[in-house]
C-alpha atoms as a PDB file:
ATOM      1  CA  UNK A   1     115.985  62.266 154.348  1.00  0.00           C
ATOM      2  CA  UNK A   2     117.670  65.361 152.924  1.00  0.00           C
ATOM      3  CA  UNK A   3     115.717  67.608 150.618  1.00  0.00           C
ATOM      4  CA  UNK A   4     117.535  68.811 147.456  1.00  0.00           C
ATOM      5  CA  UNK A   5     116.300  71.584 145.193  1.00  0.00           C
ATOM      6  CA  UNK A   6     117.065  70.620 141.563  1.00  0.00           C
ATOM      7  CA  UNK A   7     119.594  72.785 139.734  1.00  0.00           C
ATOM      8  CA  UNK A   8     118.010  75.659 137.876  1.00  0.00           C
ATOM      9  CA  UNK A   9     117.153  74.571 134.358  1.00  0.00           C
ATOM     10  CA  UNK A  10     119.100  77.539 132.966  1.00  0.00           C
ATOM     11  CA  UNK A  11     122.229  79.488 134.005  1.00  0.00           C
ATOM     12  CA  UNK A  12     120.614  82.733 135.259  1.00  0.00           C
ATOM     13  CA  UNK A  13     123.883  84.767 135.440  1.00  0.00           C
ATOM     14  CA  UNK A  14     124.973  83.766 131.924  1.00  0.00           C
ATOM     15  CA  UNK A  15     121.658  84.704 130.474  1.00  0.00           C
ATOM     16  CA  UNK A  16     121.195  87.850 132.591  1.00  0.00           C
ATOM     17  CA  UNK A  17     124.511  89.024 133.979  1.00  0.00           C
ATOM     18  CA  UNK A  18     122.796  92.178 135.262  1.00  0.00           C
ATOM     19  CA  UNK A  19     121.231  90.207 138.133  1.00  0.00           C
ATOM     20  CA  UNK A  20     124.493  88.648 139.351  1.00  0.00           C
ATOM     21  CA  UNK A  21     125.318  91.406 141.747  1.00  0.00           C
ATOM     22  CA  UNK A  22     121.869  90.997 143.457  1.00  0.00           C
ATOM     23  CA  UNK A  23     122.273  87.274 144.272  1.00  0.00           C
ATOM     24  CA  UNK A  24     121.789  86.241 147.870  1.00  0.00           C
ATOM     25  CA  UNK A  25     122.128  82.992 149.781  1.00  0.00           C
ATOM     26  CA  UNK A  26     118.928  81.563 151.292  1.00  0.00           C
ATOM     27  CA  UNK A  27     118.395  78.443 153.373  1.00  0.00           C
ATOM     28  CA  UNK A  28     115.272  76.556 152.533  1.00  0.00           C
ATOM     29  CA  UNK A  29     114.191  74.680 155.655  1.00  0.00           C
ATOM     30  CA  UNK A  30     111.967  72.109 153.975  1.00  0.00           C
ATOM     31  CA  UNK A  31     109.669  71.281 156.953  1.00  0.00           C
ATOM     32  CA  UNK A  32     108.199  67.828 156.842  1.00  0.00           C
ATOM     33  CA  UNK A  33     105.786  66.174 159.346  1.00  0.00           C
ATOM     34  CA  UNK A  34     107.646  64.432 162.056  1.00  0.00           C
ATOM     35  CA  UNK A  35     108.205  64.139 165.780  1.00  0.00           C
ATOM     36  CA  UNK A  36     111.003  66.603 166.676  1.00  0.00           C
ATOM     37  CA  UNK A  37     112.236  66.960 170.246  1.00  0.00           C
ATOM     38  CA  UNK A  38     112.628  70.172 172.164  1.00  0.00           C
ATOM     39  CA  UNK A  39     116.401  69.990 171.569  1.00  0.00           C
ATOM     40  CA  UNK A  40     116.064  69.976 167.822  1.00  0.00           C
ATOM     41  CA  UNK A  41     115.386  72.622 165.227  1.00  0.00           C
ATOM     42  CA  UNK A  42     111.787  72.352 164.152  1.00  0.00           C
ATOM     43  CA  UNK A  43     108.686  74.083 162.846  1.00  0.00           C
ATOM     44  CA  UNK A  44     105.657  73.728 165.148  1.00  0.00           C
ATOM     45  CA  UNK A  45     107.565  71.392 167.451  1.00  0.00           C
ATOM     46  CA  UNK A  46     108.265  71.678 171.192  1.00  0.00           C
ATOM     47  CA  UNK A  47     110.758  74.272 172.346  1.00  0.00           C
ATOM     48  CA  UNK A  48     113.199  74.854 175.172  1.00  0.00           C
ATOM     49  CA  UNK A  49     112.110  77.618 177.597  1.00  0.00           C
ATOM     50  CA  UNK A  50     113.872  79.103 180.599  1.00  0.00           C
ATOM     51  CA  UNK A  51     112.323  78.007 183.911  1.00  0.00           C
ATOM     52  CA  UNK A  52     112.893  81.533 185.154  1.00  0.00           C
ATOM     53  CA  UNK A  53     110.921  83.148 182.358  1.00  0.00           C
ATOM     54  CA  UNK A  54     107.113  83.275 182.228  1.00  0.00           C
ATOM     55  CA  UNK A  55     105.523  82.000 179.075  1.00  0.00           C
ATOM     56  CA  UNK A  56     104.710  84.941 176.864  1.00  0.00           C
ATOM     57  CA  UNK A  57     101.096  86.017 176.247  1.00  0.00           C
ATOM     58  CA  UNK A  58      99.456  88.401 173.775  1.00  0.00           C
ATOM     59  CA  UNK A  59      97.355  91.125 175.307  1.00  0.00           C
ATOM     60  CA  UNK A  60      96.444  93.011 172.052  1.00  0.00           C
ATOM     61  CA  UNK A  61      92.900  93.860 171.111  1.00  0.00           C
ATOM     62  CA  UNK A  62      91.988  91.630 168.124  1.00  0.00           C
ATOM     63  CA  UNK A  63      89.831  92.676 165.170  1.00  0.00           C
ATOM     64  CA  UNK A  64      86.617  90.864 164.435  1.00  0.00           C
ATOM     65  CA  UNK A  65      87.420  88.351 161.724  1.00  0.00           C
ATOM     66  CA  UNK A  66      86.970  84.618 161.068  1.00  0.00           C
ATOM     67  CA  UNK A  67      90.267  84.209 163.087  1.00  0.00           C
ATOM     68  CA  UNK A  68      89.308  86.137 166.184  1.00  0.00           C
ATOM     69  CA  UNK A  69      89.617  84.806 169.756  1.00  0.00           C
ATOM     70  CA  UNK A  70      86.347  83.818 171.344  1.00  0.00           C
ATOM     71  CA  UNK A  71      87.086  86.423 174.120  1.00  0.00           C
ATOM     72  CA  UNK A  72      89.440  89.269 174.673  1.00  0.00           C
ATOM     73  CA  UNK A  73      92.177  88.746 177.202  1.00  0.00           C
ATOM     74  CA  UNK A  74      95.715  87.334 177.508  1.00  0.00           C
ATOM     75  CA  UNK A  75      96.418  84.594 174.952  1.00  0.00           C
ATOM     76  CA  UNK A  76      99.435  82.279 175.189  1.00  0.00           C
ATOM     77  CA  UNK A  77     101.746  82.416 172.226  1.00  0.00           C
ATOM     78  CA  UNK A  78     102.430  79.195 170.317  1.00  0.00           C
ATOM     79  CA  UNK A  79     105.803  77.975 169.105  1.00  0.00           C
ATOM     80  CA  UNK A  80     106.310  78.317 165.400  1.00  0.00           C
ATOM     81  CA  UNK A  81     109.998  77.922 164.628  1.00  0.00           C
ATOM     82  CA  UNK A  82     113.046  76.924 166.650  1.00  0.00           C
ATOM     83  CA  UNK A  83     116.484  77.065 164.984  1.00  0.00           C
ATOM     84  CA  UNK A  84     119.856  76.066 166.408  1.00  0.00           C
ATOM     85  CA  UNK A  85     122.883  77.823 164.903  1.00  0.00           C
ATOM     86  CA  UNK A  86     124.485  74.404 163.937  1.00  0.00           C
ATOM     87  CA  UNK A  87     121.611  73.795 161.538  1.00  0.00           C
ATOM     88  CA  UNK A  88     121.715  77.267 159.846  1.00  0.00           C
ATOM     89  CA  UNK A  89     125.381  78.382 159.821  1.00  0.00           C
ATOM     90  CA  UNK A  90     124.619  81.060 157.260  1.00  0.00           C
ATOM     91  CA  UNK A  91     122.410  82.874 159.823  1.00  0.00           C
ATOM     92  CA  UNK A  92     124.374  85.500 161.808  1.00  0.00           C
ATOM     93  CA  UNK A  93     123.309  84.921 165.483  1.00  0.00           C
ATOM     94  CA  UNK A  94     123.835  87.747 167.973  1.00  0.00           C
ATOM     95  CA  UNK A  95     126.864  87.345 170.205  1.00  0.00           C
ATOM     96  CA  UNK A  96     126.577  84.584 172.889  1.00  0.00           C
ATOM     97  CA  UNK A  97     123.479  83.074 171.370  1.00  0.00           C
ATOM     98  CA  UNK A  98     122.969  80.011 169.229  1.00  0.00           C
ATOM     99  CA  UNK A  99     119.192  79.518 169.424  1.00  0.00           C
ATOM    100  CA  UNK A 100     116.449  81.455 167.598  1.00  0.00           C
ATOM    101  CA  UNK A 101     112.796  80.959 168.565  1.00  0.00           C
ATOM    102  CA  UNK A 102     109.720  82.418 166.826  1.00  0.00           C
ATOM    103  CA  UNK A 103     106.404  82.318 168.580  1.00  0.00           C
ATOM    104  CA  UNK A 104     103.182  83.959 167.553  1.00  0.00           C
ATOM    105  CA  UNK A 105      99.641  84.769 168.692  1.00  0.00           C
ATOM    106  CA  UNK A 106      97.458  82.477 166.569  1.00  0.00           C
ATOM    107  CA  UNK A 107      94.745  85.040 165.878  1.00  0.00           C
ATOM    108  CA  UNK A 108      94.369  87.906 163.429  1.00  0.00           C
ATOM    109  CA  UNK A 109      95.825  91.278 164.343  1.00  0.00           C
ATOM    110  CA  UNK A 110      95.144  94.684 162.818  1.00  0.00           C
ATOM    111  CA  UNK A 111      98.658  94.782 161.283  1.00  0.00           C
ATOM    112  CA  UNK A 112      98.186  92.586 158.225  1.00  0.00           C
ATOM    113  CA  UNK A 113      95.271  90.458 159.589  1.00  0.00           C
ATOM    114  CA  UNK A 114      97.681  87.633 160.394  1.00  0.00           C
ATOM    115  CA  UNK A 115      99.231  86.101 163.545  1.00  0.00           C
ATOM    116  CA  UNK A 116     101.627  88.504 165.316  1.00  0.00           C
ATOM    117  CA  UNK A 117     105.120  86.957 165.753  1.00  0.00           C
ATOM    118  CA  UNK A 118     107.716  87.552 168.383  1.00  0.00           C
ATOM    119  CA  UNK A 119     111.305  86.351 168.300  1.00  0.00           C
ATOM    120  CA  UNK A 120     113.772  85.297 171.005  1.00  0.00           C
ATOM    121  CA  UNK A 121     117.573  84.857 170.733  1.00  0.00           C
ATOM    122  CA  UNK A 122     119.034  82.555 173.373  1.00  0.00           C
ATOM    123  CA  UNK A 123     122.109  80.721 174.581  1.00  0.00           C
ATOM    124  CA  UNK A 124     121.051  77.086 174.062  1.00  0.00           C
ATOM    125  CA  UNK A 125     123.548  75.771 176.651  1.00  0.00           C
ATOM    126  CA  UNK A 126     121.930  77.467 179.646  1.00  0.00           C
ATOM    127  CA  UNK A 127     121.023  74.908 182.287  1.00  0.00           C
ATOM    128  CA  UNK A 128     117.526  76.245 183.037  1.00  0.00           C
ATOM    129  CA  UNK A 129     116.280  75.665 179.456  1.00  0.00           C
ATOM    130  CA  UNK A 130     113.719  72.893 179.721  1.00  0.00           C
ATOM    131  CA  UNK A 131     111.185  71.446 177.242  1.00  0.00           C
ATOM    132  CA  UNK A 132     107.978  73.414 177.386  1.00  0.00           C
ATOM    133  CA  UNK A 133     104.473  72.132 176.827  1.00  0.00           C
ATOM    134  CA  UNK A 134     102.971  73.359 173.630  1.00  0.00           C
ATOM    135  CA  UNK A 135      99.933  75.558 174.472  1.00  0.00           C
ATOM    136  CA  UNK A 136      96.821  75.521 172.288  1.00  0.00           C
ATOM    137  CA  UNK A 137      94.840  78.658 172.871  1.00  0.00           C
ATOM    138  CA  UNK A 138      91.058  78.238 173.030  1.00  0.00           C
ATOM    139  CA  UNK A 139      89.424  78.930 169.684  1.00  0.00           C
ATOM    140  CA  UNK A 140      92.615  79.007 167.655  1.00  0.00           C
ATOM    141  CA  UNK A 141      92.142  77.769 164.053  1.00  0.00           C
ATOM    142  CA  UNK A 142      94.341  74.930 162.730  1.00  0.00           C
ATOM    143  CA  UNK A 143      95.315  77.243 159.858  1.00  0.00           C
ATOM    144  CA  UNK A 144      97.372  79.264 162.334  1.00  0.00           C
ATOM    145  CA  UNK A 145      98.710  76.291 164.373  1.00  0.00           C
ATOM    146  CA  UNK A 146     101.601  74.605 162.649  1.00  0.00           C
ATOM    147  CA  UNK A 147     101.833  70.820 162.829  1.00  0.00           C
ATOM    148  CA  UNK A 148     105.110  69.518 164.275  1.00  0.00           C
ATOM    149  CA  UNK A 149     107.765  69.232 161.476  1.00  0.00           C
ATOM    150  CA  UNK A 150     111.354  68.260 161.315  1.00  0.00           C
ATOM    151  CA  UNK A 151     113.573  70.474 159.164  1.00  0.00           C
ATOM    152  CA  UNK A 152     115.946  69.683 156.250  1.00  0.00           C
ATOM    153  CA  UNK A 153     117.965  72.907 155.762  1.00  0.00           C
ATOM    154  CA  UNK A 154     119.446  73.451 152.322  1.00  0.00           C
ATOM    155  CA  UNK A 155     121.509  76.415 150.947  1.00  0.00           C
ATOM    156  CA  UNK A 156     120.208  77.846 147.634  1.00  0.00           C
ATOM    157  CA  UNK A 157     120.806  81.015 145.637  1.00  0.00           C
ATOM    158  CA  UNK A 158     118.115  83.695 145.381  1.00  0.00           C
ATOM    159  CA  UNK A 159     117.806  86.315 142.709  1.00  0.00           C
ATOM    160  CA  UNK A 160     115.391  89.217 143.228  1.00  0.00           C
ATOM    161  CA  UNK A 161     111.874  88.984 141.868  1.00  0.00           C
ATOM    162  CA  UNK A 162     109.777  91.931 143.047  1.00  0.00           C
ATOM    163  CA  UNK A 163     112.938  93.360 144.575  1.00  0.00           C
ATOM    164  CA  UNK A 164     114.715  93.655 141.230  1.00  0.00           C
ATOM    165  CA  UNK A 165     115.250  97.396 140.725  1.00  0.00           C
ATOM    166  CA  UNK A 166     112.759  98.869 138.274  1.00  0.00           C
ATOM    167  CA  UNK A 167     115.391 100.104 135.877  1.00  0.00           C
ATOM    168  CA  UNK A 168     116.951  96.682 135.718  1.00  0.00           C
ATOM    169  CA  UNK A 169     113.644  94.889 135.370  1.00  0.00           C
ATOM    170  CA  UNK A 170     112.596  97.269 132.608  1.00  0.00           C
ATOM    171  CA  UNK A 171     115.869  96.747 130.707  1.00  0.00           C
ATOM    172  CA  UNK A 172     115.583  92.946 130.988  1.00  0.00           C
ATOM    173  CA  UNK A 173     111.877  92.511 130.396  1.00  0.00           C
ATOM    174  CA  UNK A 174     112.126  91.866 126.686  1.00  0.00           C
ATOM    175  CA  UNK A 175     114.794  89.239 127.366  1.00  0.00           C
ATOM    176  CA  UNK A 176     112.653  87.617 130.033  1.00  0.00           C
ATOM    177  CA  UNK A 177     109.695  87.434 127.665  1.00  0.00           C
ATOM    178  CA  UNK A 178     111.795  85.991 124.824  1.00  0.00           C
ATOM    179  CA  UNK A 179     113.267  83.348 127.142  1.00  0.00           C
ATOM    180  CA  UNK A 180     109.830  82.253 128.308  1.00  0.00           C
ATOM    181  CA  UNK A 181     108.507  82.035 124.717  1.00  0.00           C
ATOM    182  CA  UNK A 182     111.464  80.008 123.563  1.00  0.00           C
ATOM    183  CA  UNK A 183     112.020  77.715 126.560  1.00  0.00           C
ATOM    184  CA  UNK A 184     108.905  77.846 128.707  1.00  0.00           C
ATOM    185  CA  UNK A 185     110.956  78.980 131.719  1.00  0.00           C
ATOM    186  CA  UNK A 186     109.909  82.174 133.497  1.00  0.00           C
ATOM    187  CA  UNK A 187     112.487  84.275 135.288  1.00  0.00           C
ATOM    188  CA  UNK A 188     109.794  85.414 137.691  1.00  0.00           C
ATOM    189  CA  UNK A 189     108.317  81.982 138.553  1.00  0.00           C
ATOM    190  CA  UNK A 190     111.228  79.571 137.998  1.00  0.00           C
ATOM    191  CA  UNK A 191     114.619  81.311 138.094  1.00  0.00           C
ATOM    192  CA  UNK A 192     114.488  84.023 140.740  1.00  0.00           C
ATOM    193  CA  UNK A 193     113.337  83.740 144.382  1.00  0.00           C
ATOM    194  CA  UNK A 194     113.181  80.411 146.162  1.00  0.00           C
ATOM    195  CA  UNK A 195     109.804  79.305 147.582  1.00  0.00           C
ATOM    196  CA  UNK A 196     108.927  77.881 150.976  1.00  0.00           C
ATOM    197  CA  UNK A 197     109.854  78.501 154.626  1.00  0.00           C
ATOM    198  CA  UNK A 198     113.418  79.839 154.599  1.00  0.00           C
ATOM    199  CA  UNK A 199     116.110  81.884 156.231  1.00  0.00           C
ATOM    200  CA  UNK A 200     117.739  84.824 154.437  1.00  0.00           C
ATOM    201  CA  UNK A 201     117.533  85.476 150.708  1.00  0.00           C
ATOM    202  CA  UNK A 202     114.625  87.557 149.392  1.00  0.00           C
ATOM    203  CA  UNK A 203     111.056  87.546 150.723  1.00  0.00           C
ATOM    204  CA  UNK A 204     108.706  85.633 148.400  1.00  0.00           C
ATOM    205  CA  UNK A 205     106.529  88.700 147.966  1.00  0.00           C
ATOM    206  CA  UNK A 206     103.269  88.167 146.024  1.00  0.00           C
ATOM    207  CA  UNK A 207     102.622  91.857 146.085  1.00  0.00           C
ATOM    208  CA  UNK A 208     104.693  95.059 146.023  1.00  0.00           C
ATOM    209  CA  UNK A 209     107.642  94.871 148.410  1.00  0.00           C
ATOM    210  CA  UNK A 210     107.021  96.478 151.848  1.00  0.00           C
ATOM    211  CA  UNK A 211     110.419  96.613 153.591  1.00  0.00           C
ATOM    212  CA  UNK A 212     110.325  97.914 157.105  1.00  0.00           C
ATOM    213  CA  UNK A 213     112.747 100.668 158.363  1.00  0.00           C
ATOM    214  CA  UNK A 214     114.496 100.361 161.698  1.00  0.00           C
ATOM    215  CA  UNK A 215     112.825 102.645 164.220  1.00  0.00           C
ATOM    216  CA  UNK A 216     116.232 103.393 165.788  1.00  0.00           C
ATOM    217  CA  UNK A 217     118.729 103.993 162.984  1.00  0.00           C
ATOM    218  CA  UNK A 218     116.269 104.466 160.172  1.00  0.00           C
ATOM    219  CA  UNK A 219     117.989 102.089 157.802  1.00  0.00           C
ATOM    220  CA  UNK A 220     116.072  99.433 155.805  1.00  0.00           C
ATOM    221  CA  UNK A 221     115.866  96.193 157.840  1.00  0.00           C
ATOM    222  CA  UNK A 222     117.182  92.892 156.459  1.00  0.00           C
ATOM    223  CA  UNK A 223     115.080  89.833 155.647  1.00  0.00           C
ATOM    224  CA  UNK A 224     115.549  87.334 158.521  1.00  0.00           C
ATOM    225  CA  UNK A 225     113.115  84.559 157.487  1.00  0.00           C
ATOM    226  CA  UNK A 226     109.892  83.729 155.798  1.00  0.00           C
ATOM    227  CA  UNK A 227     107.128  81.571 157.197  1.00  0.00           C
ATOM    228  CA  UNK A 228     105.201  80.515 154.070  1.00  0.00           C
ATOM    229  CA  UNK A 229     101.976  78.538 153.545  1.00  0.00           C
ATOM    230  CA  UNK A 230     103.593  76.329 150.916  1.00  0.00           C
ATOM    231  CA  UNK A 231     106.762  74.877 149.496  1.00  0.00           C
ATOM    232  CA  UNK A 232     105.774  75.849 145.937  1.00  0.00           C
ATOM    233  CA  UNK A 233     102.673  76.808 143.880  1.00  0.00           C
ATOM    234  CA  UNK A 234     100.971  75.692 140.747  1.00  0.00           C
ATOM    235  CA  UNK A 235     103.771  77.173 138.577  1.00  0.00           C
ATOM    236  CA  UNK A 236     106.902  77.362 140.699  1.00  0.00           C
ATOM    237  CA  UNK A 237     106.880  73.600 141.492  1.00  0.00           C
ATOM    238  CA  UNK A 238     108.788  73.097 138.325  1.00  0.00           C
ATOM    239  CA  UNK A 239     111.958  74.305 139.929  1.00  0.00           C
ATOM    240  CA  UNK A 240     111.253  74.344 143.659  1.00  0.00           C
ATOM    241  CA  UNK A 241     109.873  70.838 144.212  1.00  0.00           C
ATOM    242  CA  UNK A 242     112.701  68.891 145.885  1.00  0.00           C
ATOM    243  CA  UNK A 243     114.179  65.935 143.975  1.00  0.00           C
ATOM    244  CA  UNK A 244     113.383  63.519 146.795  1.00  0.00           C
ATOM    245  CA  UNK A 245     109.669  64.454 146.609  1.00  0.00           C
ATOM    246  CA  UNK A 246     109.350  64.163 142.833  1.00  0.00           C
ATOM    247  CA  UNK A 247     107.037  61.228 141.797  1.00  0.00           C
ATOM    248  CA  UNK A 248     108.561  58.501 139.761  1.00  0.00           C
ATOM    249  CA  UNK A 249     105.600  58.782 137.348  1.00  0.00           C
ATOM    250  CA  UNK A 250     103.605  61.838 136.441  1.00  0.00           C
ATOM    251  CA  UNK A 251     103.883  65.124 138.333  1.00  0.00           C
ATOM    252  CA  UNK A 252     103.229  66.264 141.875  1.00  0.00           C
ATOM    253  CA  UNK A 253      99.638  67.076 140.818  1.00  0.00           C
ATOM    254  CA  UNK A 254      98.943  63.510 139.907  1.00  0.00           C
ATOM    255  CA  UNK A 255      99.388  62.379 143.522  1.00  0.00           C
ATOM    256  CA  UNK A 256      96.428  61.884 145.851  1.00  0.00           C
ATOM    257  CA  UNK A 257      95.498  65.088 147.533  1.00  0.00           C
ATOM    258  CA  UNK A 258      96.599  64.078 151.020  1.00  0.00           C
ATOM    259  CA  UNK A 259      99.978  62.916 149.751  1.00  0.00           C
ATOM    260  CA  UNK A 260     100.553  66.054 147.762  1.00  0.00           C
ATOM    261  CA  UNK A 261      99.520  68.287 150.643  1.00  0.00           C
ATOM    262  CA  UNK A 262     102.102  66.646 152.972  1.00  0.00           C
ATOM    263  CA  UNK A 263     104.768  67.778 150.481  1.00  0.00           C
ATOM    264  CA  UNK A 264     103.370  71.111 149.409  1.00  0.00           C
ATOM    265  CA  UNK A 265     101.969  72.357 152.785  1.00  0.00           C
ATOM    266  CA  UNK A 266     103.442  70.058 155.452  1.00  0.00           C
ATOM    267  CA  UNK A 267     102.886  72.298 158.524  1.00  0.00           C
ATOM    268  CA  UNK A 268      99.222  72.774 157.601  1.00  0.00           C
ATOM    269  CA  UNK A 269      99.455  76.532 157.707  1.00  0.00           C
ATOM    270  CA  UNK A 270      97.149  78.694 155.575  1.00  0.00           C
ATOM    271  CA  UNK A 271      98.083  82.314 155.824  1.00  0.00           C
ATOM    272  CA  UNK A 272      95.556  84.268 153.740  1.00  0.00           C
ATOM    273  CA  UNK A 273      95.401  82.958 150.228  1.00  0.00           C
ATOM    274  CA  UNK A 274      98.536  80.768 150.466  1.00  0.00           C
ATOM    275  CA  UNK A 275     100.589  83.837 151.542  1.00  0.00           C
ATOM    276  CA  UNK A 276     103.420  84.308 153.912  1.00  0.00           C
ATOM    277  CA  UNK A 277     104.730  86.220 156.895  1.00  0.00           C
ATOM    278  CA  UNK A 278     108.152  87.847 156.571  1.00  0.00           C
ATOM    279  CA  UNK A 279     110.352  88.682 159.591  1.00  0.00           C
ATOM    280  CA  UNK A 280     112.984  91.388 159.393  1.00  0.00           C
ATOM    281  CA  UNK A 281     115.783  92.554 161.677  1.00  0.00           C
ATOM    282  CA  UNK A 282     118.250  95.404 161.989  1.00  0.00           C
ATOM    283  CA  UNK A 283     121.795  94.008 162.403  1.00  0.00           C
ATOM    284  CA  UNK A 284     123.222  97.510 162.685  1.00  0.00           C
ATOM    285  CA  UNK A 285     121.652  98.000 166.115  1.00  0.00           C
ATOM    286  CA  UNK A 286     122.971  96.027 169.103  1.00  0.00           C
ATOM    287  CA  UNK A 287     119.500  95.105 170.302  1.00  0.00           C
ATOM    288  CA  UNK A 288     118.553  93.657 166.892  1.00  0.00           C
ATOM    289  CA  UNK A 289     115.039  95.200 166.640  1.00  0.00           C
ATOM    290  CA  UNK A 290     112.650  93.172 164.393  1.00  0.00           C
ATOM    291  CA  UNK A 291     109.508  93.805 162.379  1.00  0.00           C
ATOM    292  CA  UNK A 292     107.183  91.721 160.296  1.00  0.00           C
ATOM    293  CA  UNK A 293     105.196  92.099 157.156  1.00  0.00           C
ATOM    294  CA  UNK A 294     102.694  89.976 155.291  1.00  0.00           C
ATOM    295  CA  UNK A 295     100.952  89.697 152.007  1.00  0.00           C
ATOM    296  CA  UNK A 296      98.134  87.488 153.210  1.00  0.00           C
ATOM    297  CA  UNK A 297      95.185  89.897 153.029  1.00  0.00           C
END
């Protein structure tokens, strides 16, 4: 079943034409529990892996936290996201590739106290790509191990939230407040940045933005994708809950806990206090260096 974000309740660009030039296209992936194959785009599902390439391991030293490995030593990475270009045509893949894979070490790392991701761009037609068994490192917590989900990609428009320039935000703040008082709709919660696991658009920061700089060319990197703990929160659900998941009676919060959780947090991830991990890349450099940030601590 497709997942469809309802139209915004108000025309953002008519109300606030100043934000129009900052619009970006995002692709909400809408993961839902399922049984994806290794030859499908998925979150937490099986992936294709080259027979000639060893499975990657993490050899970092890990800090002592509630999400520490039981012992130091190499830890197999776990698949988090696999995307085929046909499912996300808005994503600019490097030349001769059509498959993006994200794996991570499912234990806390000093940088953000979250799992550390790695990304791989591949040519999905190569003959030595074969389904790989999904490793489960000893001692890994379920909060960092995504449950297998099928994806339902959907293009939406993002407007900046935390990334709105200060001078623009200051100029519009009175209008934002008046709108919320008169209609109950908040620019910040309902009209700006799309929630959930997504490609492109703006990061769903819950704190001050922390954009990385490319170590090679020193330009600001671009947002590649967000791995989020949830599809929406206690306020944003009013605009980011898909139509197909909207109860016929009452609201999403009237559903039994288990049923609501399968809609709000289908992969079962809990990154900090319902936070997210943001992956960035530099498309100006041929080797596409990447970095990650989080607001989970």
